[in-house]
Amino acid sequence: MFGFLFGKKREKIQEAPPAAATKFAPGTTIAYDPNLVASMMSDHQALFKIYGAIQQHFTAGDFKGVSQQLEQFRMAVQGHLLKENVKLYIYLEHQFESDQATHSLIKGFRSEMDAIGKVLVDFLNKYKHIEVNPSLATTFKQDMEQIGAALTDRVSREESILYPLYS
């Protein structure tokens, strides 16, 4: 403000690039999102946090808390998978359409995630009523550990292989 009052030159403010500079996946209106990878990695951290809360409630014998956290987990997973399918996979599949090896890798990741998603939905449906059916607790811990191992492996590979392709 003092510079303005006393006649000093103002620094030029950097403007956002024009809309024409937006990069779209070939043949689509799916635009490159420079914040997508960071957003998806943030989703991963949120999922792991909820996973940890589920484990804590289960260890404490709080099946109502387990049910509530499973619902939170369901919503977070669904949002993440939707974002992944619409923004990441479609963009990458079109972007690498002419690179057969990379295109196959991406399609493999997508197919694998579809299978993991189905297993995850089955798990969530099986245990969503654990608070009213405590007999489900006998298999919950083992199933939860298997889900956790699969998700940990998948997230690690997404972040080290798939996300760099997008960036």
N, C-alpha and C. Protein backbone atom coordinates (compact mmCIF):
# COMPACT_ATOMS: atom_id res chain seq x y z
N MET A 1 0.81 -1.18 0.00
CA MET A 1 0.00 0.00 0.00
C MET A 1 0.87 1.25 0.00
N PHE A 2 1.96 1.26 0.79
CA PHE A 2 2.83 2.43 0.82
C PHE A 2 3.50 2.66 -0.53
N GLY A 3 3.83 1.57 -1.20
CA GLY A 3 4.43 1.71 -2.52
C GLY A 3 3.47 2.38 -3.48
N PHE A 4 2.22 2.03 -3.41
CA PHE A 4 1.21 2.63 -4.27
C PHE A 4 1.07 4.12 -3.94
N LEU A 5 1.04 4.44 -2.67
CA LEU A 5 0.87 5.83 -2.26
C LEU A 5 2.05 6.70 -2.65
N PHE A 6 3.26 6.15 -2.58
CA PHE A 6 4.46 6.94 -2.83
C PHE A 6 5.06 6.71 -4.21
N GLY A 7 4.28 6.11 -5.12
CA GLY A 7 4.67 6.05 -6.51
C GLY A 7 5.61 4.93 -6.89
N LYS A 8 5.87 3.95 -6.06
CA LYS A 8 6.73 2.84 -6.45
C LYS A 8 6.00 1.95 -7.44
N LYS A 9 6.79 1.31 -8.31
CA LYS A 9 6.19 0.40 -9.28
C LYS A 9 5.67 -0.85 -8.57
N ARG A 10 4.51 -1.29 -9.04
CA ARG A 10 3.95 -2.52 -8.48
C ARG A 10 4.51 -3.70 -9.25
N GLU A 11 4.73 -4.79 -8.52
CA GLU A 11 5.20 -6.01 -9.18
C GLU A 11 4.04 -6.59 -9.99
N LYS A 12 4.40 -7.15 -11.11
CA LYS A 12 3.38 -7.75 -11.97
C LYS A 12 2.87 -9.03 -11.31
N ILE A 13 1.57 -9.15 -11.22
CA ILE A 13 0.95 -10.35 -10.65
C ILE A 13 0.85 -11.39 -11.75
N GLN A 14 1.33 -12.59 -11.43
CA GLN A 14 1.29 -13.67 -12.42
C GLN A 14 -0.14 -14.15 -12.58
N GLU A 15 -0.60 -14.18 -13.80
CA GLU A 15 -1.96 -14.59 -14.09
C GLU A 15 -2.01 -16.07 -14.42
N ALA A 16 -3.17 -16.67 -14.21
CA ALA A 16 -3.38 -18.07 -14.56
C ALA A 16 -3.30 -18.20 -16.09
N PRO A 17 -2.83 -19.36 -16.56
CA PRO A 17 -2.77 -19.54 -18.01
C PRO A 17 -4.17 -19.50 -18.62
N PRO A 18 -4.27 -19.08 -19.87
CA PRO A 18 -5.58 -19.02 -20.51
C PRO A 18 -6.21 -20.40 -20.62
N ALA A 19 -7.54 -20.43 -20.70
CA ALA A 19 -8.28 -21.70 -20.77
C ALA A 19 -7.82 -22.56 -21.94
N ALA A 20 -7.35 -21.93 -23.01
CA ALA A 20 -6.91 -22.69 -24.18
C ALA A 20 -5.72 -23.57 -23.85
N ALA A 21 -4.98 -23.26 -22.76
CA ALA A 21 -3.82 -24.06 -22.38
C ALA A 21 -4.21 -25.34 -21.64
N THR A 22 -5.48 -25.51 -21.33
CA THR A 22 -5.94 -26.70 -20.64
C THR A 22 -5.67 -27.92 -21.50
N LYS A 23 -5.10 -28.94 -20.88
CA LYS A 23 -4.75 -30.16 -21.60
C LYS A 23 -5.84 -31.21 -21.38
N PHE A 24 -6.44 -31.68 -22.46
CA PHE A 24 -7.48 -32.70 -22.40
C PHE A 24 -6.92 -34.02 -22.88
N ALA A 25 -7.48 -35.11 -22.34
CA ALA A 25 -7.14 -36.43 -22.87
C ALA A 25 -7.65 -36.47 -24.31
N PRO A 26 -6.87 -37.01 -25.23
CA PRO A 26 -7.28 -37.04 -26.63
C PRO A 26 -8.67 -37.66 -26.81
N GLY A 27 -9.52 -36.96 -27.55
CA GLY A 27 -10.85 -37.46 -27.86
C GLY A 27 -11.86 -37.36 -26.72
N THR A 28 -11.51 -36.64 -25.66
CA THR A 28 -12.42 -36.51 -24.51
C THR A 28 -12.49 -35.06 -24.05
N THR A 29 -13.35 -34.82 -23.10
CA THR A 29 -13.38 -33.53 -22.42
C THR A 29 -12.86 -33.69 -20.99
N ILE A 30 -12.11 -34.75 -20.75
CA ILE A 30 -11.50 -34.98 -19.43
C ILE A 30 -10.19 -34.19 -19.42
N ALA A 31 -10.18 -33.14 -18.61
CA ALA A 31 -9.01 -32.26 -18.55
C ALA A 31 -8.00 -32.76 -17.54
N TYR A 32 -6.74 -32.48 -17.81
CA TYR A 32 -5.68 -32.75 -16.85
C TYR A 32 -5.92 -31.88 -15.62
N ASP A 33 -5.80 -32.48 -14.46
CA ASP A 33 -6.02 -31.76 -13.20
C ASP A 33 -4.70 -31.79 -12.43
N PRO A 34 -4.01 -30.68 -12.32
CA PRO A 34 -2.71 -30.67 -11.65
C PRO A 34 -2.79 -31.02 -10.16
N ASN A 35 -3.99 -31.00 -9.60
CA ASN A 35 -4.16 -31.32 -8.18
C ASN A 35 -4.69 -32.74 -7.94
N LEU A 36 -4.92 -33.48 -9.01
CA LEU A 36 -5.56 -34.80 -8.87
C LEU A 36 -4.72 -35.77 -8.05
N VAL A 37 -3.45 -35.89 -8.36
CA VAL A 37 -2.60 -36.85 -7.66
C VAL A 37 -2.54 -36.52 -6.17
N ALA A 38 -2.34 -35.27 -5.85
CA ALA A 38 -2.30 -34.86 -4.43
C ALA A 38 -3.64 -35.16 -3.75
N SER A 39 -4.73 -34.92 -4.45
CA SER A 39 -6.05 -35.20 -3.89
C SER A 39 -6.24 -36.69 -3.65
N MET A 40 -5.79 -37.50 -4.59
CA MET A 40 -5.95 -38.95 -4.45
C MET A 40 -5.05 -39.50 -3.35
N MET A 41 -3.86 -38.94 -3.21
CA MET A 41 -2.98 -39.36 -2.13
C MET A 41 -3.56 -38.95 -0.78
N SER A 42 -4.22 -37.81 -0.74
CA SER A 42 -4.90 -37.38 0.47
C SER A 42 -6.06 -38.34 0.80
N ASP A 43 -6.77 -38.77 -0.23
CA ASP A 43 -7.82 -39.77 -0.05
C ASP A 43 -7.25 -41.04 0.59
N HIS A 44 -6.09 -41.47 0.08
CA HIS A 44 -5.46 -42.68 0.62
C HIS A 44 -5.18 -42.53 2.12
N GLN A 45 -4.65 -41.38 2.50
CA GLN A 45 -4.35 -41.14 3.91
C GLN A 45 -5.64 -41.15 4.75
N ALA A 46 -6.69 -40.57 4.21
CA ALA A 46 -7.98 -40.56 4.92
C ALA A 46 -8.52 -41.99 5.07
N LEU A 47 -8.37 -42.79 4.01
CA LEU A 47 -8.83 -44.18 4.08
C LEU A 47 -8.06 -44.96 5.14
N PHE A 48 -6.74 -44.76 5.20
CA PHE A 48 -5.94 -45.46 6.21
C PHE A 48 -6.30 -44.99 7.62
N LYS A 49 -6.64 -43.73 7.76
CA LYS A 49 -7.04 -43.21 9.07
C LYS A 49 -8.36 -43.87 9.51
N ILE A 50 -9.31 -43.96 8.60
CA ILE A 50 -10.58 -44.61 8.92
C ILE A 50 -10.36 -46.09 9.22
N TYR A 51 -9.50 -46.73 8.43
CA TYR A 51 -9.17 -48.14 8.65
C TYR A 51 -8.64 -48.32 10.08
N GLY A 52 -7.75 -47.44 10.49
CA GLY A 52 -7.20 -47.51 11.85
C GLY A 52 -8.28 -47.32 12.90
N ALA A 53 -9.22 -46.42 12.65
CA ALA A 53 -10.32 -46.19 13.59
C ALA A 53 -11.21 -47.43 13.69
N ILE A 54 -11.43 -48.09 12.57
CA ILE A 54 -12.23 -49.33 12.59
C ILE A 54 -11.55 -50.36 13.48
N GLN A 55 -10.23 -50.51 13.29
CA GLN A 55 -9.48 -51.47 14.11
C GLN A 55 -9.57 -51.12 15.59
N GLN A 56 -9.44 -49.84 15.92
CA GLN A 56 -9.50 -49.42 17.32
C GLN A 56 -10.87 -49.73 17.94
N HIS A 57 -11.92 -49.44 17.22
CA HIS A 57 -13.27 -49.72 17.73
C HIS A 57 -13.46 -51.23 17.90
N PHE A 58 -12.96 -51.99 16.95
CA PHE A 58 -13.11 -53.45 17.04
C PHE A 58 -12.35 -53.99 18.25
N THR A 59 -11.11 -53.54 18.43
CA THR A 59 -10.29 -53.98 19.56
C THR A 59 -10.96 -53.63 20.88
N ALA A 60 -11.63 -52.49 20.93
CA ALA A 60 -12.32 -52.06 22.15
C ALA A 60 -13.67 -52.76 22.33
N GLY A 61 -14.07 -53.56 21.35
CA GLY A 61 -15.38 -54.24 21.43
C GLY A 61 -16.55 -53.31 21.15
N ASP A 62 -16.27 -52.17 20.55
CA ASP A 62 -17.28 -51.17 20.23
C ASP A 62 -17.82 -51.42 18.82
N PHE A 63 -18.78 -52.33 18.72
CA PHE A 63 -19.29 -52.72 17.41
C PHE A 63 -20.14 -51.63 16.76
N LYS A 64 -20.76 -50.79 17.59
CA LYS A 64 -21.48 -49.65 17.02
C LYS A 64 -20.48 -48.70 16.34
N GLY A 65 -19.36 -48.45 16.99
CA GLY A 65 -18.31 -47.62 16.39
C GLY A 65 -17.75 -48.24 15.12
N VAL A 66 -17.61 -49.58 15.13
CA VAL A 66 -17.14 -50.29 13.94
C VAL A 66 -18.11 -50.04 12.79
N SER A 67 -19.40 -50.21 13.06
CA SER A 67 -20.42 -50.00 12.01
C SER A 67 -20.38 -48.58 11.46
N GLN A 68 -20.25 -47.61 12.36
CA GLN A 68 -20.21 -46.21 11.94
C GLN A 68 -18.97 -45.93 11.08
N GLN A 69 -17.84 -46.46 11.49
CA GLN A 69 -16.61 -46.24 10.73
C GLN A 69 -16.63 -47.00 9.40
N LEU A 70 -17.26 -48.16 9.37
CA LEU A 70 -17.40 -48.89 8.11
C LEU A 70 -18.20 -48.07 7.11
N GLU A 71 -19.22 -47.37 7.59
CA GLU A 71 -20.01 -46.51 6.70
C GLU A 71 -19.18 -45.33 6.21
N GLN A 72 -18.37 -44.76 7.09
CA GLN A 72 -17.45 -43.69 6.67
C GLN A 72 -16.47 -44.21 5.62
N PHE A 73 -15.98 -45.42 5.85
CA PHE A 73 -15.04 -46.05 4.93
C PHE A 73 -15.71 -46.27 3.57
N ARG A 74 -16.96 -46.74 3.59
CA ARG A 74 -17.71 -46.96 2.35
C ARG A 74 -17.81 -45.67 1.55
N MET A 75 -18.21 -44.60 2.21
CA MET A 75 -18.38 -43.31 1.51
C MET A 75 -17.04 -42.81 0.96
N ALA A 76 -15.98 -42.94 1.74
CA ALA A 76 -14.66 -42.48 1.29
C ALA A 76 -14.16 -43.32 0.12
N VAL A 77 -14.35 -44.62 0.19
CA VAL A 77 -13.92 -45.50 -0.90
C VAL A 77 -14.70 -45.20 -2.17
N GLN A 78 -16.01 -45.06 -2.04
CA GLN A 78 -16.83 -44.79 -3.23
C GLN A 78 -16.43 -43.47 -3.89
N GLY A 79 -16.21 -42.45 -3.10
CA GLY A 79 -15.78 -41.17 -3.65
C GLY A 79 -14.44 -41.28 -4.35
N HIS A 80 -13.52 -42.00 -3.73
CA HIS A 80 -12.19 -42.16 -4.31
C HIS A 80 -12.26 -42.95 -5.61
N LEU A 81 -13.01 -44.04 -5.61
CA LEU A 81 -13.12 -44.87 -6.81
C LEU A 81 -13.79 -44.12 -7.96
N LEU A 82 -14.78 -43.32 -7.64
CA LEU A 82 -15.44 -42.54 -8.68
C LEU A 82 -14.47 -41.54 -9.29
N LYS A 83 -13.73 -40.85 -8.44
CA LYS A 83 -12.73 -39.89 -8.91
C LYS A 83 -11.67 -40.61 -9.76
N GLU A 84 -11.24 -41.76 -9.28
CA GLU A 84 -10.22 -42.53 -9.99
C GLU A 84 -10.72 -42.97 -11.36
N ASN A 85 -11.94 -43.47 -11.43
CA ASN A 85 -12.48 -43.94 -12.70
C ASN A 85 -12.74 -42.82 -13.69
N VAL A 86 -13.30 -41.72 -13.22
CA VAL A 86 -13.67 -40.64 -14.13
C VAL A 86 -12.48 -39.77 -14.51
N LYS A 87 -11.67 -39.40 -13.55
CA LYS A 87 -10.60 -38.45 -13.84
C LYS A 87 -9.27 -39.09 -14.18
N LEU A 88 -8.94 -40.18 -13.54
CA LEU A 88 -7.59 -40.76 -13.74
C LEU A 88 -7.56 -41.76 -14.89
N TYR A 89 -8.35 -42.81 -14.79
CA TYR A 89 -8.25 -43.89 -15.78
C TYR A 89 -8.65 -43.44 -17.18
N ILE A 90 -9.73 -42.72 -17.30
CA ILE A 90 -10.15 -42.29 -18.64
C ILE A 90 -9.08 -41.39 -19.25
N TYR A 91 -8.56 -40.47 -18.45
CA TYR A 91 -7.51 -39.58 -18.95
C TYR A 91 -6.29 -40.40 -19.40
N LEU A 92 -5.81 -41.28 -18.53
CA LEU A 92 -4.59 -42.04 -18.84
C LEU A 92 -4.79 -42.98 -20.02
N GLU A 93 -5.94 -43.65 -20.08
CA GLU A 93 -6.18 -44.57 -21.19
C GLU A 93 -6.17 -43.84 -22.53
N HIS A 94 -6.73 -42.65 -22.58
CA HIS A 94 -6.72 -41.88 -23.82
C HIS A 94 -5.34 -41.27 -24.09
N GLN A 95 -4.69 -40.84 -23.04
CA GLN A 95 -3.37 -40.21 -23.20
C GLN A 95 -2.34 -41.21 -23.74
N PHE A 96 -2.43 -42.47 -23.32
CA PHE A 96 -1.44 -43.48 -23.71
C PHE A 96 -2.01 -44.49 -24.70
N GLU A 97 -3.01 -44.07 -25.45
CA GLU A 97 -3.67 -44.95 -26.41
C GLU A 97 -2.69 -45.52 -27.44
N SER A 98 -1.72 -44.75 -27.83
CA SER A 98 -0.78 -45.21 -28.86
C SER A 98 0.43 -45.95 -28.29
N ASP A 99 0.54 -46.01 -26.98
CA ASP A 99 1.64 -46.73 -26.32
C ASP A 99 1.06 -48.01 -25.73
N GLN A 100 1.14 -49.08 -26.50
CA GLN A 100 0.46 -50.33 -26.14
C GLN A 100 0.87 -50.87 -24.77
N ALA A 101 2.14 -50.82 -24.43
CA ALA A 101 2.60 -51.37 -23.15
C ALA A 101 2.02 -50.57 -21.98
N THR A 102 2.10 -49.26 -22.07
CA THR A 102 1.59 -48.41 -20.99
C THR A 102 0.07 -48.49 -20.92
N HIS A 103 -0.56 -48.51 -22.08
CA HIS A 103 -2.02 -48.62 -22.13
C HIS A 103 -2.48 -49.93 -21.47
N SER A 104 -1.79 -51.02 -21.74
CA SER A 104 -2.12 -52.31 -21.12
C SER A 104 -1.92 -52.27 -19.61
N LEU A 105 -0.85 -51.62 -19.18
CA LEU A 105 -0.58 -51.48 -17.74
C LEU A 105 -1.74 -50.74 -17.06
N ILE A 106 -2.17 -49.66 -17.67
CA ILE A 106 -3.26 -48.85 -17.11
C ILE A 106 -4.55 -49.66 -17.06
N LYS A 107 -4.87 -50.35 -18.14
CA LYS A 107 -6.08 -51.18 -18.17
C LYS A 107 -6.00 -52.29 -17.13
N GLY A 108 -4.81 -52.83 -16.90
CA GLY A 108 -4.62 -53.85 -15.88
C GLY A 108 -4.88 -53.30 -14.49
N PHE A 109 -4.37 -52.10 -14.22
CA PHE A 109 -4.62 -51.44 -12.94
C PHE A 109 -6.12 -51.23 -12.74
N ARG A 110 -6.78 -50.77 -13.80
CA ARG A 110 -8.22 -50.49 -13.70
C ARG A 110 -9.01 -51.77 -13.44
N SER A 111 -8.68 -52.81 -14.15
CA SER A 111 -9.36 -54.09 -13.99
C SER A 111 -9.14 -54.65 -12.58
N GLU A 112 -7.91 -54.56 -12.12
CA GLU A 112 -7.59 -55.04 -10.78
C GLU A 112 -8.37 -54.25 -9.73
N MET A 113 -8.46 -52.93 -9.91
CA MET A 113 -9.18 -52.11 -8.94
C MET A 113 -10.66 -52.43 -8.95
N ASP A 114 -11.20 -52.75 -10.10
CA ASP A 114 -12.61 -53.16 -10.17
C ASP A 114 -12.83 -54.41 -9.32
N ALA A 115 -11.91 -55.37 -9.42
CA ALA A 115 -12.02 -56.61 -8.64
C ALA A 115 -11.86 -56.32 -7.14
N ILE A 116 -10.89 -55.49 -6.78
CA ILE A 116 -10.69 -55.13 -5.37
C ILE A 116 -11.93 -54.39 -4.85
N GLY A 117 -12.49 -53.52 -5.67
CA GLY A 117 -13.68 -52.78 -5.28
C GLY A 117 -14.85 -53.71 -4.98
N LYS A 118 -15.01 -54.76 -5.79
CA LYS A 118 -16.10 -55.72 -5.55
C LYS A 118 -15.89 -56.47 -4.24
N VAL A 119 -14.66 -56.88 -3.97
CA VAL A 119 -14.35 -57.57 -2.72
C VAL A 119 -14.60 -56.64 -1.54
N LEU A 120 -14.20 -55.40 -1.70
CA LEU A 120 -14.39 -54.41 -0.64
C LEU A 120 -15.87 -54.16 -0.37
N VAL A 121 -16.67 -54.03 -1.40
CA VAL A 121 -18.11 -53.83 -1.23
C VAL A 121 -18.73 -55.04 -0.54
N ASP A 122 -18.33 -56.24 -0.93
CA ASP A 122 -18.82 -57.45 -0.27
C ASP A 122 -18.47 -57.44 1.22
N PHE A 123 -17.23 -57.06 1.53
CA PHE A 123 -16.78 -56.97 2.92
C PHE A 123 -17.64 -55.96 3.69
N LEU A 124 -17.83 -54.79 3.13
CA LEU A 124 -18.61 -53.75 3.80
C LEU A 124 -20.06 -54.17 3.99
N ASN A 125 -20.63 -54.83 2.99
CA ASN A 125 -22.01 -55.31 3.12
C ASN A 125 -22.12 -56.40 4.17
N LYS A 126 -21.13 -57.28 4.24
CA LYS A 126 -21.15 -58.38 5.20
C LYS A 126 -21.12 -57.86 6.63
N TYR A 127 -20.29 -56.83 6.88
CA TYR A 127 -20.07 -56.40 8.26
C TYR A 127 -20.80 -55.12 8.67
N LYS A 128 -21.60 -54.56 7.80
CA LYS A 128 -22.24 -53.29 8.14
C LYS A 128 -23.19 -53.40 9.33
N HIS A 129 -23.66 -54.60 9.63
CA HIS A 129 -24.58 -54.79 10.76
C HIS A 129 -23.90 -55.51 11.92
N ILE A 130 -22.59 -55.36 12.05
CA ILE A 130 -21.87 -56.04 13.12
C ILE A 130 -22.37 -55.62 14.51
N GLU A 131 -22.88 -54.41 14.62
CA GLU A 131 -23.35 -53.95 15.94
C GLU A 131 -24.61 -54.70 16.38
N VAL A 132 -25.43 -55.15 15.45
CA VAL A 132 -26.64 -55.90 15.82
C VAL A 132 -26.45 -57.40 15.66
N ASN A 133 -25.34 -57.79 15.08
CA ASN A 133 -25.03 -59.21 14.90
C ASN A 133 -23.58 -59.47 15.30
N PRO A 134 -23.30 -59.46 16.62
CA PRO A 134 -21.92 -59.60 17.11
C PRO A 134 -21.25 -60.92 16.73
N SER A 135 -22.01 -61.90 16.27
CA SER A 135 -21.39 -63.16 15.85
C SER A 135 -20.47 -62.95 14.64
N LEU A 136 -20.68 -61.84 13.93
CA LEU A 136 -19.81 -61.51 12.79
C LEU A 136 -18.38 -61.21 13.23
N ALA A 137 -18.21 -60.92 14.51
CA ALA A 137 -16.89 -60.57 15.04
C ALA A 137 -15.89 -61.72 14.91
N THR A 138 -16.38 -62.95 14.83
CA THR A 138 -15.47 -64.10 14.76
C THR A 138 -14.63 -64.10 13.49
N THR A 139 -15.16 -63.57 12.40
CA THR A 139 -14.42 -63.55 11.14
C THR A 139 -13.94 -62.16 10.74
N PHE A 140 -14.41 -61.15 11.46
CA PHE A 140 -14.13 -59.77 11.08
C PHE A 140 -12.63 -59.46 11.06
N LYS A 141 -11.93 -59.80 12.12
CA LYS A 141 -10.52 -59.41 12.23
C LYS A 141 -9.69 -59.96 11.06
N GLN A 142 -9.87 -61.23 10.74
CA GLN A 142 -9.11 -61.81 9.64
C GLN A 142 -9.47 -61.16 8.31
N ASP A 143 -10.76 -60.97 8.08
CA ASP A 143 -11.19 -60.34 6.83
C ASP A 143 -10.68 -58.90 6.74
N MET A 144 -10.72 -58.20 7.86
CA MET A 144 -10.23 -56.81 7.91
C MET A 144 -8.74 -56.76 7.60
N GLU A 145 -7.98 -57.69 8.14
CA GLU A 145 -6.54 -57.72 7.87
C GLU A 145 -6.25 -58.00 6.40
N GLN A 146 -7.04 -58.86 5.78
CA GLN A 146 -6.86 -59.15 4.35
C GLN A 146 -7.18 -57.92 3.50
N ILE A 147 -8.24 -57.22 3.87
CA ILE A 147 -8.59 -55.98 3.16
C ILE A 147 -7.47 -54.96 3.32
N GLY A 148 -6.97 -54.83 4.53
CA GLY A 148 -5.89 -53.87 4.80
C GLY A 148 -4.63 -54.18 4.01
N ALA A 149 -4.26 -55.46 3.93
CA ALA A 149 -3.07 -55.86 3.18
C ALA A 149 -3.25 -55.57 1.69
N ALA A 150 -4.43 -55.88 1.15
CA ALA A 150 -4.70 -55.63 -0.27
C ALA A 150 -4.67 -54.14 -0.57
N LEU A 151 -5.27 -53.34 0.30
CA LEU A 151 -5.30 -51.89 0.06
C LEU A 151 -3.91 -51.27 0.20
N THR A 152 -3.14 -51.72 1.18
CA THR A 152 -1.79 -51.20 1.36
C THR A 152 -0.94 -51.48 0.13
N ASP A 153 -1.02 -52.71 -0.37
CA ASP A 153 -0.27 -53.08 -1.57
C ASP A 153 -0.72 -52.25 -2.77
N ARG A 154 -2.02 -52.13 -2.93
CA ARG A 154 -2.57 -51.40 -4.08
C ARG A 154 -2.18 -49.92 -4.04
N VAL A 155 -2.33 -49.30 -2.89
CA VAL A 155 -2.00 -47.88 -2.75
C VAL A 155 -0.51 -47.66 -3.05
N SER A 156 0.32 -48.53 -2.55
CA SER A 156 1.75 -48.42 -2.80
C SER A 156 2.06 -48.46 -4.30
N ARG A 157 1.44 -49.38 -5.00
CA ARG A 157 1.68 -49.50 -6.44
C ARG A 157 1.07 -48.34 -7.22
N GLU A 158 -0.11 -47.88 -6.81
CA GLU A 158 -0.71 -46.71 -7.48
C GLU A 158 0.21 -45.51 -7.36
N GLU A 159 0.69 -45.26 -6.15
CA GLU A 159 1.48 -44.06 -5.91
C GLU A 159 2.86 -44.14 -6.55
N SER A 160 3.41 -45.34 -6.71
CA SER A 160 4.75 -45.45 -7.28
C SER A 160 4.75 -45.69 -8.79
N ILE A 161 3.66 -46.23 -9.35
CA ILE A 161 3.64 -46.57 -10.78
C ILE A 161 2.62 -45.74 -11.55
N LEU A 162 1.39 -45.75 -11.08
CA LEU A 162 0.29 -45.14 -11.84
C LEU A 162 0.30 -43.61 -11.77
N TYR A 163 0.45 -43.06 -10.58
CA TYR A 163 0.39 -41.61 -10.43
C TYR A 163 1.51 -40.88 -11.16
N PRO A 164 2.73 -41.42 -11.19
CA PRO A 164 3.76 -40.74 -12.00
C PRO A 164 3.41 -40.67 -13.49
N LEU A 165 2.66 -41.63 -13.98
CA LEU A 165 2.22 -41.57 -15.39
C LEU A 165 1.31 -40.37 -15.61
N TYR A 166 0.48 -40.07 -14.63
CA TYR A 166 -0.43 -38.93 -14.74
C TYR A 166 0.31 -37.62 -14.62
N SER A 167 1.23 -37.58 -13.69
CA SER A 167 1.97 -36.34 -13.44
C SER A 167 2.87 -36.01 -14.60
